[in-house]
Amino acid sequence: MQPIQLFELASKQADWLSVRQSVVAGNIANANTPGFKAKDVSPFQAVLETTGIRMAATQPGHFTESEMASRVIETKPTEEIGVQESGNTVGIAEELMKEGQVKRDFELNAGLVKAFHRMMLMTVRR
């Protein structure tokens, strides 16, 4: 039987989410800064690939690529936003959507850890 690594995985994702939240907040703060290039973080899948943690799937469609990251990268301007006259590439609507994703991911992460912790306590108390 393999050791339970859920807490380690959740901790790594929480760290990644903190970095992503900081990057997105920086983008929003610099929305009016001339020449500022929007940034994001590379997918969390990259973090999983560089660590010993591997997720198991019983069917090929169980896990899809998600928006997770390990390092900060410059994003390419979208067709909707493009590069503004000032040279800025930040789209407020996109950044606010990213903030919402980060919030939901934090809540999911915390909920899973809480449920798993409760489950572990139930097995120990018996």
C-alpha atoms as a PDB file:
ATOM      1  CA  MET A   1       0.000   0.000   0.000  1.00  0.00           C
ATOM      2  CA  GLN A   2       1.334   3.436  -0.920  1.00  0.00           C
ATOM      3  CA  PRO A   3       1.528   6.226   1.650  1.00  0.00           C
ATOM      4  CA  ILE A   4      -1.208   8.841   1.647  1.00  0.00           C
ATOM      5  CA  GLN A   5       0.121  11.908  -0.150  1.00  0.00           C
ATOM      6  CA  LEU A   6      -3.029  13.979  -0.351  1.00  0.00           C
ATOM      7  CA  PHE A   7      -1.844  16.483   2.255  1.00  0.00           C
ATOM      8  CA  GLU A   8       1.464  16.993   0.415  1.00  0.00           C
ATOM      9  CA  LEU A   9      -0.340  17.451  -2.888  1.00  0.00           C
ATOM     10  CA  ALA A  10      -2.830  19.882  -1.347  1.00  0.00           C
ATOM     11  CA  SER A  11       0.028  21.859   0.195  1.00  0.00           C
ATOM     12  CA  LYS A  12       1.815  22.133  -3.151  1.00  0.00           C
ATOM     13  CA  GLN A  13      -1.376  23.267  -4.854  1.00  0.00           C
ATOM     14  CA  ALA A  14      -2.038  25.840  -2.109  1.00  0.00           C
ATOM     15  CA  ASP A  15       1.479  27.224  -2.625  1.00  0.00           C
ATOM     16  CA  TRP A  16       0.897  27.362  -6.371  1.00  0.00           C
ATOM     17  CA  LEU A  17      -2.461  29.080  -5.899  1.00  0.00           C
ATOM     18  CA  SER A  18      -0.798  31.693  -3.666  1.00  0.00           C
ATOM     19  CA  VAL A  19       1.719  32.467  -6.396  1.00  0.00           C
ATOM     20  CA  ARG A  20      -1.017  32.658  -9.023  1.00  0.00           C
ATOM     21  CA  GLN A  21      -3.128  34.948  -6.856  1.00  0.00           C
ATOM     22  CA  SER A  22      -0.147  37.290  -6.399  1.00  0.00           C
ATOM     23  CA  VAL A  23       0.581  37.350 -10.127  1.00  0.00           C
ATOM     24  CA  VAL A  24      -3.045  38.044 -11.064  1.00  0.00           C
ATOM     25  CA  ALA A  25      -3.302  40.775  -8.401  1.00  0.00           C
ATOM     26  CA  GLY A  26      -0.129  42.329  -9.834  1.00  0.00           C
ATOM     27  CA  ASN A  27      -1.668  42.297 -13.300  1.00  0.00           C
ATOM     28  CA  ILE A  28      -4.797  44.037 -12.020  1.00  0.00           C
ATOM     29  CA  ALA A  29      -2.731  46.593 -10.100  1.00  0.00           C
ATOM     30  CA  ASN A  30      -0.766  47.423 -13.261  1.00  0.00           C
ATOM     31  CA  ALA A  31      -3.728  47.535 -15.642  1.00  0.00           C
ATOM     32  CA  ASN A  32      -3.046  51.204 -16.405  1.00  0.00           C
ATOM     33  CA  THR A  33       0.762  51.020 -16.403  1.00  0.00           C
ATOM     34  CA  PRO A  34       2.113  51.802 -19.886  1.00  0.00           C
ATOM     35  CA  GLY A  35       4.124  48.951 -21.385  1.00  0.00           C
ATOM     36  CA  PHE A  36       3.189  46.440 -18.659  1.00  0.00           C
ATOM     37  CA  LYS A  37       2.957  42.865 -19.960  1.00  0.00           C
ATOM     38  CA  ALA A  38       0.387  40.593 -18.330  1.00  0.00           C
ATOM     39  CA  LYS A  39       1.783  37.509 -16.584  1.00  0.00           C
ATOM     40  CA  ASP A  40       0.415  34.188 -15.429  1.00  0.00           C
ATOM     41  CA  VAL A  41       1.877  30.994 -14.010  1.00  0.00           C
ATOM     42  CA  SER A  42       2.548  27.795 -15.884  1.00  0.00           C
ATOM     43  CA  PRO A  43       0.066  24.959 -15.279  1.00  0.00           C
ATOM     44  CA  PHE A  44       0.081  23.050 -11.973  1.00  0.00           C
ATOM     45  CA  GLN A  45       0.562  19.921 -14.071  1.00  0.00           C
ATOM     46  CA  ALA A  46       4.208  21.027 -14.421  1.00  0.00           C
ATOM     47  CA  VAL A  47       4.545  20.892 -10.618  1.00  0.00           C
ATOM     48  CA  LEU A  48       3.106  17.384 -10.561  1.00  0.00           C
ATOM     49  CA  GLU A  49       5.507  16.245 -13.273  1.00  0.00           C
ATOM     50  CA  THR A  50       8.577  17.557 -11.405  1.00  0.00           C
ATOM     51  CA  THR A  51       7.636  15.852  -8.131  1.00  0.00           C
ATOM     52  CA  GLY A  52       7.227  12.198  -7.272  1.00  0.00           C
ATOM     53  CA  ILE A  53       3.472  12.585  -6.896  1.00  0.00           C
ATOM     54  CA  ARG A  54       1.548  10.890  -9.675  1.00  0.00           C
ATOM     55  CA  MET A  55      -2.202  10.901 -10.002  1.00  0.00           C
ATOM     56  CA  ALA A  56      -3.810   7.619 -11.005  1.00  0.00           C
ATOM     57  CA  ALA A  57      -6.689   7.393 -13.450  1.00  0.00           C
ATOM     58  CA  THR A  58      -8.797   4.334 -14.113  1.00  0.00           C
ATOM     59  CA  GLN A  59     -10.059   5.764 -17.404  1.00  0.00           C
ATOM     60  CA  PRO A  60      -8.217   8.037 -19.850  1.00  0.00           C
ATOM     61  CA  GLY A  61     -10.753  10.874 -19.533  1.00  0.00           C
ATOM     62  CA  HIS A  62     -10.595  11.214 -15.738  1.00  0.00           C
ATOM     63  CA  PHE A  63      -8.006  13.972 -15.552  1.00  0.00           C
ATOM     64  CA  THR A  64      -7.703  16.834 -17.976  1.00  0.00           C
ATOM     65  CA  GLU A  65      -5.175  19.634 -18.106  1.00  0.00           C
ATOM     66  CA  SER A  66      -6.065  22.334 -15.691  1.00  0.00           C
ATOM     67  CA  GLU A  67      -4.841  25.871 -15.187  1.00  0.00           C
ATOM     68  CA  MET A  68      -2.104  25.201 -12.633  1.00  0.00           C
ATOM     69  CA  ALA A  69       1.422  26.508 -12.462  1.00  0.00           C
ATOM     70  CA  SER A  70       4.911  26.357 -11.091  1.00  0.00           C
ATOM     71  CA  ARG A  71       6.535  29.471 -12.557  1.00  0.00           C
ATOM     72  CA  VAL A  72       5.561  32.936 -13.749  1.00  0.00           C
ATOM     73  CA  ILE A  73       5.381  33.398 -17.507  1.00  0.00           C
ATOM     74  CA  GLU A  74       4.425  36.305 -19.739  1.00  0.00           C
ATOM     75  CA  THR A  75       1.042  35.784 -21.383  1.00  0.00           C
ATOM     76  CA  LYS A  76       0.318  36.447 -25.018  1.00  0.00           C
ATOM     77  CA  PRO A  77      -2.247  39.150 -25.803  1.00  0.00           C
ATOM     78  CA  THR A  78      -5.655  37.786 -26.729  1.00  0.00           C
ATOM     79  CA  GLU A  79      -7.559  38.889 -29.798  1.00  0.00           C
ATOM     80  CA  GLU A  80     -10.170  40.593 -27.620  1.00  0.00           C
ATOM     81  CA  ILE A  81      -7.683  42.676 -25.624  1.00  0.00           C
ATOM     82  CA  GLY A  82      -4.621  42.796 -27.834  1.00  0.00           C
ATOM     83  CA  VAL A  83      -1.913  45.309 -27.092  1.00  0.00           C
ATOM     84  CA  GLN A  84      -3.307  48.654 -26.031  1.00  0.00           C
ATOM     85  CA  GLU A  85      -1.904  51.932 -27.329  1.00  0.00           C
ATOM     86  CA  SER A  86       0.145  52.265 -24.146  1.00  0.00           C
ATOM     87  CA  GLY A  87       1.733  48.850 -24.776  1.00  0.00           C
ATOM     88  CA  ASN A  88      -0.203  47.274 -21.892  1.00  0.00           C
ATOM     89  CA  THR A  89      -1.574  43.722 -22.398  1.00  0.00           C
ATOM     90  CA  VAL A  90      -3.732  43.381 -19.252  1.00  0.00           C
ATOM     91  CA  GLY A  91      -7.412  42.552 -19.746  1.00  0.00           C
ATOM     92  CA  ILE A  92      -9.340  43.313 -16.555  1.00  0.00           C
ATOM     93  CA  ALA A  93     -12.175  40.899 -17.399  1.00  0.00           C
ATOM     94  CA  GLU A  94      -9.738  38.021 -17.946  1.00  0.00           C
ATOM     95  CA  GLU A  95      -7.849  38.801 -14.750  1.00  0.00           C
ATOM     96  CA  LEU A  96     -11.059  38.898 -12.712  1.00  0.00           C
ATOM     97  CA  MET A  97     -12.037  35.510 -14.165  1.00  0.00           C
ATOM     98  CA  LYS A  98      -8.636  34.152 -13.106  1.00  0.00           C
ATOM     99  CA  GLU A  99      -9.213  35.529  -9.586  1.00  0.00           C
ATOM    100  CA  GLY A 100     -12.528  33.682  -9.476  1.00  0.00           C
ATOM    101  CA  GLN A 101     -10.809  30.465 -10.559  1.00  0.00           C
ATOM    102  CA  VAL A 102      -8.169  30.876  -7.856  1.00  0.00           C
ATOM    103  CA  LYS A 103     -10.877  31.425  -5.230  1.00  0.00           C
ATOM    104  CA  ARG A 104     -12.798  28.317  -6.313  1.00  0.00           C
ATOM    105  CA  ASP A 105      -9.613  26.245  -6.381  1.00  0.00           C
ATOM    106  CA  PHE A 106      -8.667  27.400  -2.866  1.00  0.00           C
ATOM    107  CA  GLU A 107     -12.142  26.491  -1.594  1.00  0.00           C
ATOM    108  CA  LEU A 108     -12.024  23.075  -3.275  1.00  0.00           C
ATOM    109  CA  ASN A 109      -8.540  22.413  -1.924  1.00  0.00           C
ATOM    110  CA  ALA A 110      -9.546  23.333   1.625  1.00  0.00           C
ATOM    111  CA  GLY A 111     -12.764  21.306   1.398  1.00  0.00           C
ATOM    112  CA  LEU A 112     -10.943  18.193   0.226  1.00  0.00           C
ATOM    113  CA  VAL A 113      -8.315  18.461   2.959  1.00  0.00           C
ATOM    114  CA  LYS A 114     -11.008  18.991   5.593  1.00  0.00           C
ATOM    115  CA  ALA A 115     -13.031  15.979   4.399  1.00  0.00           C
ATOM    116  CA  PHE A 116      -9.947  13.759   4.181  1.00  0.00           C
ATOM    117  CA  HIS A 117      -8.799  14.860   7.637  1.00  0.00           C
ATOM    118  CA  ARG A 118     -12.233  14.070   9.072  1.00  0.00           C
ATOM    119  CA  MET A 119     -12.112  10.653   7.405  1.00  0.00           C
ATOM    120  CA  MET A 120      -8.674   9.947   8.868  1.00  0.00           C
ATOM    121  CA  LEU A 121      -9.851  10.933  12.359  1.00  0.00           C
ATOM    122  CA  MET A 122     -12.827   8.594  12.061  1.00  0.00           C
ATOM    123  CA  THR A 123     -10.534   5.640  11.355  1.00  0.00           C
ATOM    124  CA  VAL A 124      -8.215   6.490  14.248  1.00  0.00           C
ATOM    125  CA  ARG A 125     -10.976   6.907  16.852  1.00  0.00           C
ATOM    126  CA  ARG A 126     -12.431   3.452  16.317  1.00  0.00           C
END
